[in-house]
C-alpha atoms as a PDB file:
ATOM      1  CA  MET A   1      20.799  -8.428  -4.287  1.00  0.00           C
ATOM      2  CA  LYS A   2      17.721 -10.390  -3.257  1.00  0.00           C
ATOM      3  CA  VAL A   3      14.657  -8.237  -2.495  1.00  0.00           C
ATOM      4  CA  LYS A   4      11.798  -9.577  -0.364  1.00  0.00           C
ATOM      5  CA  PHE A   5       8.181  -8.390  -0.288  1.00  0.00           C
ATOM      6  CA  ILE A   6       5.232  -9.486   1.838  1.00  0.00           C
ATOM      7  CA  SER A   7       1.851  -8.015   2.630  1.00  0.00           C
ATOM      8  CA  LEU A   8       1.063  -8.589   6.312  1.00  0.00           C
ATOM      9  CA  ALA A   9      -2.499  -7.247   5.939  1.00  0.00           C
ATOM     10  CA  SER A  10      -4.317  -5.275   3.266  1.00  0.00           C
ATOM     11  CA  GLY A  11      -7.847  -4.031   3.866  1.00  0.00           C
ATOM     12  CA  SER A  12     -10.063  -1.617   5.771  1.00  0.00           C
ATOM     13  CA  SER A  13      -9.271  -3.416   9.058  1.00  0.00           C
ATOM     14  CA  GLY A  14      -5.533  -2.842   8.772  1.00  0.00           C
ATOM     15  CA  ASN A  15      -2.653  -2.413   6.330  1.00  0.00           C
ATOM     16  CA  CYS A  16       1.043  -3.214   6.584  1.00  0.00           C
ATOM     17  CA  TYR A  17       3.641  -4.161   3.969  1.00  0.00           C
ATOM     18  CA  TYR A  18       7.281  -5.184   4.267  1.00  0.00           C
ATOM     19  CA  ILE A  19      10.031  -4.760   1.698  1.00  0.00           C
ATOM     20  CA  GLY A  20      13.617  -5.648   2.449  1.00  0.00           C
ATOM     21  CA  THR A  21      16.913  -7.299   1.650  1.00  0.00           C
ATOM     22  CA  GLU A  22      18.491 -10.272   3.391  1.00  0.00           C
ATOM     23  CA  LYS A  23      19.870  -7.874   6.040  1.00  0.00           C
ATOM     24  CA  TYR A  24      17.234  -5.200   6.696  1.00  0.00           C
ATOM     25  CA  GLY A  25      13.921  -3.766   5.549  1.00  0.00           C
ATOM     26  CA  ILE A  26      11.204  -1.163   5.946  1.00  0.00           C
ATOM     27  CA  LEU A  27       7.458  -1.158   6.548  1.00  0.00           C
ATOM     28  CA  ILE A  28       4.861   0.712   4.533  1.00  0.00           C
ATOM     29  CA  ASP A  29       2.083   1.585   7.015  1.00  0.00           C
ATOM     30  CA  ALA A  30       1.447  -0.119  10.337  1.00  0.00           C
ATOM     31  CA  GLY A  31      -2.283  -0.490  10.835  1.00  0.00           C
ATOM     32  CA  ILE A  32      -2.218  -3.833  12.658  1.00  0.00           C
ATOM     33  CA  ALA A  33      -1.007  -4.719  16.160  1.00  0.00           C
ATOM     34  CA  VAL A  34       2.732  -4.630  16.865  1.00  0.00           C
ATOM     35  CA  ARG A  35       2.607  -8.227  18.137  1.00  0.00           C
ATOM     36  CA  THR A  36       0.962  -9.304  14.847  1.00  0.00           C
ATOM     37  CA  ILE A  37       3.670  -7.543  12.841  1.00  0.00           C
ATOM     38  CA  LYS A  38       6.376  -9.215  14.957  1.00  0.00           C
ATOM     39  CA  LYS A  39       4.776 -12.657  14.664  1.00  0.00           C
ATOM     40  CA  SER A  40       4.163 -12.455  10.916  1.00  0.00           C
ATOM     41  CA  LEU A  41       7.683 -11.242  10.181  1.00  0.00           C
ATOM     42  CA  LYS A  42       9.248 -13.831  12.481  1.00  0.00           C
ATOM     43  CA  GLU A  43       7.443 -16.573  10.545  1.00  0.00           C
ATOM     44  CA  VAL A  44       9.285 -15.499   7.372  1.00  0.00           C
ATOM     45  CA  GLY A  45      12.625 -15.083   9.139  1.00  0.00           C
ATOM     46  CA  VAL A  46      12.604 -11.311   9.643  1.00  0.00           C
ATOM     47  CA  GLY A  47      13.453  -9.851  13.067  1.00  0.00           C
ATOM     48  CA  MET A  48      12.159  -6.479  14.245  1.00  0.00           C
ATOM     49  CA  GLU A  49      15.738  -5.336  14.861  1.00  0.00           C
ATOM     50  CA  THR A  50      16.229  -5.314  11.078  1.00  0.00           C
ATOM     51  CA  ILE A  51      13.397  -2.803  10.455  1.00  0.00           C
ATOM     52  CA  ARG A  52      15.010   0.525   9.579  1.00  0.00           C
ATOM     53  CA  ALA A  53      11.859   2.674   9.269  1.00  0.00           C
ATOM     54  CA  VAL A  54       8.107   2.877   8.811  1.00  0.00           C
ATOM     55  CA  PHE A  55       6.750   4.977   5.926  1.00  0.00           C
ATOM     56  CA  VAL A  56       3.153   6.120   6.399  1.00  0.00           C
ATOM     57  CA  THR A  57       0.746   6.826   3.511  1.00  0.00           C
ATOM     58  CA  HIS A  58      -1.906   8.750   5.507  1.00  0.00           C
ATOM     59  CA  ASP A  59      -3.425   9.135   8.954  1.00  0.00           C
ATOM     60  CA  HIS A  60      -6.473   6.841   8.799  1.00  0.00           C
ATOM     61  CA  ALA A  61      -6.569   4.351  11.688  1.00  0.00           C
ATOM     62  CA  ASP A  62      -6.200   1.259   9.496  1.00  0.00           C
ATOM     63  CA  HIS A  63      -2.754   2.529   8.453  1.00  0.00           C
ATOM     64  CA  ILE A  64      -1.333   3.910  11.719  1.00  0.00           C
ATOM     65  CA  LYS A  65      -2.571   1.863  14.707  1.00  0.00           C
ATOM     66  CA  ALA A  66       0.888   0.465  15.500  1.00  0.00           C
ATOM     67  CA  VAL A  67       3.139   3.408  14.618  1.00  0.00           C
ATOM     68  CA  GLY A  68       3.209   4.690  18.206  1.00  0.00           C
ATOM     69  CA  GLY A  69       4.464   1.387  19.555  1.00  0.00           C
ATOM     70  CA  LEU A  70       6.945   0.909  16.723  1.00  0.00           C
ATOM     71  CA  GLY A  71       8.222   4.465  16.863  1.00  0.00           C
ATOM     72  CA  GLU A  72       8.367   5.256  20.567  1.00  0.00           C
ATOM     73  CA  LYS A  73       8.828   1.826  22.180  1.00  0.00           C
ATOM     74  CA  LEU A  74      10.950   0.080  19.539  1.00  0.00           C
ATOM     75  CA  HIS A  75      12.652   3.329  18.413  1.00  0.00           C
ATOM     76  CA  ILE A  76      11.954   2.758  14.716  1.00  0.00           C
ATOM     77  CA  PRO A  77      11.925   6.045  12.735  1.00  0.00           C
ATOM     78  CA  VAL A  78       8.514   6.998  11.317  1.00  0.00           C
ATOM     79  CA  TYR A  79       8.687   8.901   8.027  1.00  0.00           C
ATOM     80  CA  THR A  80       5.895  10.873   6.384  1.00  0.00           C
ATOM     81  CA  THR A  81       4.883  14.455   5.556  1.00  0.00           C
ATOM     82  CA  ALA A  82       4.533  17.100   8.264  1.00  0.00           C
ATOM     83  CA  ARG A  83       0.766  17.267   7.762  1.00  0.00           C
ATOM     84  CA  ILE A  84       0.362  13.480   8.027  1.00  0.00           C
ATOM     85  CA  HIS A  85       2.458  13.513  11.203  1.00  0.00           C
ATOM     86  CA  GLU A  86       0.152  16.192  12.583  1.00  0.00           C
ATOM     87  CA  GLY A  87      -2.870  14.062  11.700  1.00  0.00           C
ATOM     88  CA  ILE A  88      -1.311  10.946  13.247  1.00  0.00           C
ATOM     89  CA  ASN A  89      -0.846  12.592  16.628  1.00  0.00           C
ATOM     90  CA  LYS A  90      -4.418  13.915  16.571  1.00  0.00           C
ATOM     91  CA  SER A  91      -5.892  10.501  15.744  1.00  0.00           C
ATOM     92  CA  TYR A  92      -8.170   8.786  18.272  1.00  0.00           C
ATOM     93  CA  CYS A  93      -6.328   5.490  17.753  1.00  0.00           C
ATOM     94  CA  MET A  94      -2.932   6.856  18.840  1.00  0.00           C
ATOM     95  CA  THR A  95      -2.587   5.952  22.506  1.00  0.00           C
ATOM     96  CA  GLU A  96       1.193   6.352  22.112  1.00  0.00           C
ATOM     97  CA  LYS A  97       1.925   9.721  20.491  1.00  0.00           C
ATOM     98  CA  LEU A  98       4.987  10.157  18.274  1.00  0.00           C
ATOM     99  CA  HIS A  99       7.836  12.353  19.540  1.00  0.00           C
ATOM    100  CA  SER A 100      11.413  11.086  19.184  1.00  0.00           C
ATOM    101  CA  SER A 101      10.594   8.874  16.182  1.00  0.00           C
ATOM    102  CA  VAL A 102       9.207  11.668  13.960  1.00  0.00           C
ATOM    103  CA  HIS A 103      10.956  12.143  10.603  1.00  0.00           C
ATOM    104  CA  TYR A 104       9.656  14.385   7.830  1.00  0.00           C
ATOM    105  CA  LEU A 105       9.382  13.838   4.080  1.00  0.00           C
ATOM    106  CA  GLU A 106       8.586  16.256   1.269  1.00  0.00           C
ATOM    107  CA  LYS A 107       6.582  14.944  -1.684  1.00  0.00           C
ATOM    108  CA  GLU A 108       8.660  14.159  -4.776  1.00  0.00           C
ATOM    109  CA  GLU A 109      11.920  14.885  -2.966  1.00  0.00           C
ATOM    110  CA  PRO A 110      13.837  11.578  -3.097  1.00  0.00           C
ATOM    111  CA  MET A 111      15.666  10.294  -0.038  1.00  0.00           C
ATOM    112  CA  VAL A 112      18.158   7.473   0.475  1.00  0.00           C
ATOM    113  CA  LEU A 113      17.980   4.986   3.339  1.00  0.00           C
ATOM    114  CA  GLU A 114      20.828   2.487   3.028  1.00  0.00           C
ATOM    115  CA  ASP A 115      20.124   0.782  -0.347  1.00  0.00           C
ATOM    116  CA  PHE A 116      16.577   2.136  -0.625  1.00  0.00           C
ATOM    117  CA  HIS A 117      15.857   5.138  -2.855  1.00  0.00           C
ATOM    118  CA  ILE A 118      12.456   6.385  -1.697  1.00  0.00           C
ATOM    119  CA  GLU A 119      10.167   9.027  -3.160  1.00  0.00           C
ATOM    120  CA  SER A 120       6.732   9.992  -1.850  1.00  0.00           C
ATOM    121  CA  PHE A 121       4.099  11.525  -4.093  1.00  0.00           C
ATOM    122  CA  GLU A 122       0.604  13.002  -3.862  1.00  0.00           C
ATOM    123  CA  VAL A 123      -2.443  10.750  -4.196  1.00  0.00           C
ATOM    124  CA  PRO A 124      -6.108  11.875  -3.959  1.00  0.00           C
ATOM    125  CA  HIS A 125      -7.719  10.558  -0.771  1.00  0.00           C
ATOM    126  CA  ASP A 126      -9.529  12.057   2.231  1.00  0.00           C
ATOM    127  CA  GLY A 127      -6.873  11.770   4.921  1.00  0.00           C
ATOM    128  CA  THR A 128      -5.262  14.894   6.388  1.00  0.00           C
ATOM    129  CA  ASP A 129      -2.634  14.472   3.664  1.00  0.00           C
ATOM    130  CA  ASN A 130      -1.985  11.459   1.435  1.00  0.00           C
ATOM    131  CA  VAL A 131       0.991   9.922  -0.339  1.00  0.00           C
ATOM    132  CA  GLY A 132       2.061   6.905  -2.305  1.00  0.00           C
ATOM    133  CA  TYR A 133       5.634   5.609  -2.306  1.00  0.00           C
ATOM    134  CA  CYS A 134       8.033   4.691  -5.089  1.00  0.00           C
ATOM    135  CA  ILE A 135      10.914   2.608  -3.765  1.00  0.00           C
ATOM    136  CA  GLU A 136      13.916   1.535  -5.821  1.00  0.00           C
ATOM    137  CA  ILE A 137      16.369  -1.033  -4.566  1.00  0.00           C
ATOM    138  CA  ASP A 138      19.042  -2.710  -6.676  1.00  0.00           C
ATOM    139  CA  GLY A 139      17.338  -1.529  -9.874  1.00  0.00           C
ATOM    140  CA  LYS A 140      13.933  -2.947  -8.856  1.00  0.00           C
ATOM    141  CA  VAL A 141      11.140  -0.368  -8.591  1.00  0.00           C
ATOM    142  CA  PHE A 142       8.145  -0.899  -6.274  1.00  0.00           C
ATOM    143  CA  SER A 143       5.236   1.559  -6.309  1.00  0.00           C
ATOM    144  CA  PHE A 144       2.685   1.549  -3.469  1.00  0.00           C
ATOM    145  CA  LEU A 145      -0.706   3.218  -4.000  1.00  0.00           C
ATOM    146  CA  THR A 146      -2.958   1.860  -1.265  1.00  0.00           C
ATOM    147  CA  ASP A 147      -5.818   4.398  -0.982  1.00  0.00           C
ATOM    148  CA  LEU A 148      -6.834   6.775  -3.773  1.00  0.00           C
ATOM    149  CA  GLY A 149     -10.058   7.923  -5.392  1.00  0.00           C
ATOM    150  CA  GLU A 150      -8.664   8.281  -8.901  1.00  0.00           C
ATOM    151  CA  ILE A 151      -5.406   7.948 -10.789  1.00  0.00           C
ATOM    152  CA  THR A 152      -4.082  11.443 -11.348  1.00  0.00           C
ATOM    153  CA  PRO A 153      -1.245  12.266 -13.780  1.00  0.00           C
ATOM    154  CA  THR A 154       1.191  12.217 -10.827  1.00  0.00           C
ATOM    155  CA  ALA A 155      -0.023   8.810  -9.643  1.00  0.00           C
ATOM    156  CA  ALA A 156       0.087   7.494 -13.220  1.00  0.00           C
ATOM    157  CA  LYS A 157       3.716   8.604 -13.582  1.00  0.00           C
ATOM    158  CA  PHE A 158       4.790   6.508 -10.594  1.00  0.00           C
ATOM    159  CA  ILE A 159       2.657   3.534 -11.624  1.00  0.00           C
ATOM    160  CA  ARG A 160       4.381   3.497 -15.027  1.00  0.00           C
ATOM    161  CA  LYS A 161       7.800   3.482 -13.351  1.00  0.00           C
ATOM    162  CA  ALA A 162       7.057   0.284 -11.454  1.00  0.00           C
ATOM    163  CA  ASN A 163       8.377  -3.211 -12.000  1.00  0.00           C
ATOM    164  CA  TYR A 164       6.343  -4.283  -8.961  1.00  0.00           C
ATOM    165  CA  LEU A 165       3.047  -2.520  -8.321  1.00  0.00           C
ATOM    166  CA  ILE A 166       0.821  -2.502  -5.232  1.00  0.00           C
ATOM    167  CA  LEU A 167      -2.407  -0.777  -6.328  1.00  0.00           C
ATOM    168  CA  GLU A 168      -5.839  -0.442  -4.768  1.00  0.00           C
ATOM    169  CA  ALA A 169      -8.882  -2.330  -6.065  1.00  0.00           C
ATOM    170  CA  ASN A 170     -11.238  -1.575  -3.179  1.00  0.00           C
ATOM    171  CA  TYR A 171     -14.769  -2.347  -4.364  1.00  0.00           C
ATOM    172  CA  ASP A 172     -16.989  -3.848  -7.022  1.00  0.00           C
ATOM    173  CA  ASP A 173     -19.423  -1.211  -8.314  1.00  0.00           C
ATOM    174  CA  GLU A 174     -22.466  -3.473  -8.233  1.00  0.00           C
ATOM    175  CA  MET A 175     -21.730  -4.884  -4.774  1.00  0.00           C
ATOM    176  CA  LEU A 176     -21.342  -1.385  -3.368  1.00  0.00           C
ATOM    177  CA  ARG A 177     -24.465  -0.056  -5.110  1.00  0.00           C
ATOM    178  CA  MET A 178     -26.637  -2.947  -3.921  1.00  0.00           C
ATOM    179  CA  GLY A 179     -25.051  -3.219  -0.462  1.00  0.00           C
ATOM    180  CA  THR A 180     -26.139  -2.025   2.963  1.00  0.00           C
ATOM    181  CA  TYR A 181     -23.800   0.969   3.343  1.00  0.00           C
ATOM    182  CA  PRO A 182     -25.577   4.295   3.952  1.00  0.00           C
ATOM    183  CA  GLN A 183     -25.740   6.609   0.955  1.00  0.00           C
ATOM    184  CA  TYR A 184     -23.237   9.132   2.373  1.00  0.00           C
ATOM    185  CA  LEU A 185     -20.640   6.363   2.763  1.00  0.00           C
ATOM    186  CA  LYS A 186     -21.257   5.045  -0.750  1.00  0.00           C
ATOM    187  CA  GLU A 187     -20.736   8.571  -2.067  1.00  0.00           C
ATOM    188  CA  ARG A 188     -17.535   8.966  -0.042  1.00  0.00           C
ATOM    189  CA  ILE A 189     -16.129   5.681  -1.358  1.00  0.00           C
ATOM    190  CA  THR A 190     -16.902   6.489  -5.003  1.00  0.00           C
ATOM    191  CA  SER A 191     -15.709  10.112  -4.825  1.00  0.00           C
ATOM    192  CA  ARG A 192     -12.481  11.404  -6.331  1.00  0.00           C
ATOM    193  CA  THR A 193     -10.940  11.361  -2.836  1.00  0.00           C
ATOM    194  CA  GLY A 194     -12.341   7.932  -1.910  1.00  0.00           C
ATOM    195  CA  HIS A 195     -11.289   4.568  -3.279  1.00  0.00           C
ATOM    196  CA  MET A 196     -10.582   2.840  -6.590  1.00  0.00           C
ATOM    197  CA  SER A 197     -13.067   0.294  -7.931  1.00  0.00           C
ATOM    198  CA  ASN A 198     -12.053  -2.987  -9.553  1.00  0.00           C
ATOM    199  CA  ILE A 199     -13.086  -1.784 -12.985  1.00  0.00           C
ATOM    200  CA  ALA A 200     -11.371   1.623 -12.711  1.00  0.00           C
ATOM    201  CA  THR A 201      -8.121  -0.060 -11.683  1.00  0.00           C
ATOM    202  CA  ALA A 202      -8.519  -2.696 -14.408  1.00  0.00           C
ATOM    203  CA  GLU A 203      -9.196  -0.142 -17.133  1.00  0.00           C
ATOM    204  CA  PHE A 204      -6.212   1.998 -16.158  1.00  0.00           C
ATOM    205  CA  LEU A 205      -3.869  -0.994 -16.106  1.00  0.00           C
ATOM    206  CA  ALA A 206      -5.136  -2.282 -19.455  1.00  0.00           C
ATOM    207  CA  GLU A 207      -4.465   1.091 -21.090  1.00  0.00           C
ATOM    208  CA  ASN A 208      -1.178   1.912 -19.350  1.00  0.00           C
ATOM    209  CA  ILE A 209       0.682  -1.309 -18.612  1.00  0.00           C
ATOM    210  CA  THR A 210       4.352  -1.272 -19.567  1.00  0.00           C
ATOM    211  CA  GLU A 211       6.685  -4.093 -20.570  1.00  0.00           C
ATOM    212  CA  ASP A 212       8.698  -3.387 -17.414  1.00  0.00           C
ATOM    213  CA  LEU A 213       5.800  -4.290 -15.101  1.00  0.00           C
ATOM    214  CA  LYS A 214       6.347  -7.800 -13.759  1.00  0.00           C
ATOM    215  CA  TYR A 215       3.933  -8.086 -10.794  1.00  0.00           C
ATOM    216  CA  ILE A 216       0.630  -6.466  -9.801  1.00  0.00           C
ATOM    217  CA  TRP A 217      -0.742  -6.915  -6.277  1.00  0.00           C
ATOM    218  CA  LEU A 218      -4.312  -5.664  -5.836  1.00  0.00           C
ATOM    219  CA  CYS A 219      -4.592  -4.181  -2.348  1.00  0.00           C
ATOM    220  CA  HIS A 220      -7.048  -2.722   0.174  1.00  0.00           C
ATOM    221  CA  LEU A 221      -9.990  -4.906  -0.898  1.00  0.00           C
ATOM    222  CA  SER A 222     -13.264  -4.159   0.901  1.00  0.00           C
ATOM    223  CA  LYS A 223     -14.649  -6.865   3.170  1.00  0.00           C
ATOM    224  CA  ASP A 224     -18.264  -5.972   2.332  1.00  0.00           C
ATOM    225  CA  ASN A 225     -18.060  -4.765  -1.270  1.00  0.00           C
ATOM    226  CA  ASN A 226     -15.526  -7.016  -2.958  1.00  0.00           C
ATOM    227  CA  HIS A 227     -14.122 -10.544  -3.257  1.00  0.00           C
ATOM    228  CA  PRO A 228     -10.494 -11.384  -4.086  1.00  0.00           C
ATOM    229  CA  GLU A 229     -11.626 -13.603  -6.986  1.00  0.00           C
ATOM    230  CA  LEU A 230     -13.814 -10.816  -8.380  1.00  0.00           C
ATOM    231  CA  ALA A 231     -11.044  -8.217  -8.221  1.00  0.00           C
ATOM    232  CA  TYR A 232      -8.606 -10.659  -9.829  1.00  0.00           C
ATOM    233  CA  LYS A 233     -10.992 -11.684 -12.606  1.00  0.00           C
ATOM    234  CA  THR A 234     -11.955  -8.082 -13.409  1.00  0.00           C
ATOM    235  CA  VAL A 235      -8.321  -7.060 -13.918  1.00  0.00           C
ATOM    236  CA  GLU A 236      -7.433 -10.313 -15.716  1.00  0.00           C
ATOM    237  CA  TRP A 237     -10.349  -9.858 -18.132  1.00  0.00           C
ATOM    238  CA  LYS A 238      -9.485  -6.232 -18.936  1.00  0.00           C
ATOM    239  CA  LEU A 239      -5.828  -7.067 -19.504  1.00  0.00           C
ATOM    240  CA  LYS A 240      -6.781  -9.979 -21.747  1.00  0.00           C
ATOM    241  CA  SER A 241      -8.963  -7.649 -23.844  1.00  0.00           C
ATOM    242  CA  LYS A 242      -5.727  -5.795 -24.672  1.00  0.00           C
ATOM    243  CA  GLY A 243      -3.831  -8.983 -25.453  1.00  0.00           C
ATOM    244  CA  ILE A 244      -1.994  -9.085 -22.104  1.00  0.00           C
ATOM    245  CA  LEU A 245      -2.040 -12.531 -20.504  1.00  0.00           C
ATOM    246  CA  VAL A 246      -1.843 -12.890 -16.730  1.00  0.00           C
ATOM    247  CA  GLY A 247       0.689 -15.555 -15.792  1.00  0.00           C
ATOM    248  CA  LYS A 248       2.604 -15.025 -19.034  1.00  0.00           C
ATOM    249  CA  ASP A 249       3.047 -11.295 -19.611  1.00  0.00           C
ATOM    250  CA  VAL A 250       2.492 -10.163 -16.014  1.00  0.00           C
ATOM    251  CA  GLN A 251       1.812 -11.791 -12.647  1.00  0.00           C
ATOM    252  CA  LEU A 252      -1.334 -10.808 -10.718  1.00  0.00           C
ATOM    253  CA  CYS A 253      -2.418 -11.368  -7.108  1.00  0.00           C
ATOM    254  CA  ALA A 254      -5.307 -10.076  -4.982  1.00  0.00           C
ATOM    255  CA  LEU A 255      -3.886  -9.592  -1.476  1.00  0.00           C
ATOM    256  CA  LYS A 256      -5.567 -11.022   1.611  1.00  0.00           C
ATOM    257  CA  ARG A 257      -7.299  -8.578   3.899  1.00  0.00           C
ATOM    258  CA  SER A 258      -6.223  -9.753   7.342  1.00  0.00           C
ATOM    259  CA  THR A 259      -3.612 -12.468   6.865  1.00  0.00           C
ATOM    260  CA  PRO A 260      -0.136 -12.399   5.301  1.00  0.00           C
ATOM    261  CA  SER A 261       0.475 -13.033   1.638  1.00  0.00           C
ATOM    262  CA  ASP A 262       3.152 -15.359   0.372  1.00  0.00           C
ATOM    263  CA  LEU A 263       6.699 -14.087   0.776  1.00  0.00           C
ATOM    264  CA  TYR A 264       8.001 -12.965  -2.625  1.00  0.00           C
ATOM    265  CA  GLU A 265      11.731 -12.938  -3.347  1.00  0.00           C
ATOM    266  CA  PHE A 266      13.272 -11.282  -6.395  1.00  0.00           C
ATOM    267  CA  ASP A 267      16.890 -11.583  -7.531  1.00  0.00           C
END
């Protein structure tokens, strides 16, 4: 079975990822306009009628802006925890509240949706509630960890399971320290419920990479405190220090903030 993956957007302005087969797929988060999602998917040959569900990681605006339109107007089920659903419907950005499209998940209780085996798990972030997703389809395991302040033992367990890993590298320490953000925001970003830095992500991967990991996509890069090349080079350098060569032992990509990535297809 061929599995397709594309990032439609990955950054503080909006996040949305697609994973699917040749017949149907799901979205992880929907923090960009519905029309943008439709247009970007159409360009890679995916129709909205094939989207079986949206899985939400947390209730921050850059992850949920479009879930009302997708859920209530297009009748696509929206899955997440009860507390995240509560946070979604309280959010200022939700002009279309969720009612008929609400579906609940429990953390670390696997569910099956057609050929997808999906498990949510706790990650440390400052949303109302926060999860990552581990998705297995046809023996291929994708783990999504888009916003987290640190890698806990639970997060590490699901990272190590992955053949295909989407993991946050939000900021460069020096760029953030020297930048114009107010001190309270810098402290929020660097806290244990904030975001992962390039070096923290790089160091974890260098120490914990498995032979089963084929692809790493660095996600949720900051517009003001990071550059794709910097995130890429930081991880590449740390992996190389452990004898792991990017392009040979593992593939690495820093995802674009506001435009789609390439479409990846895996047999």
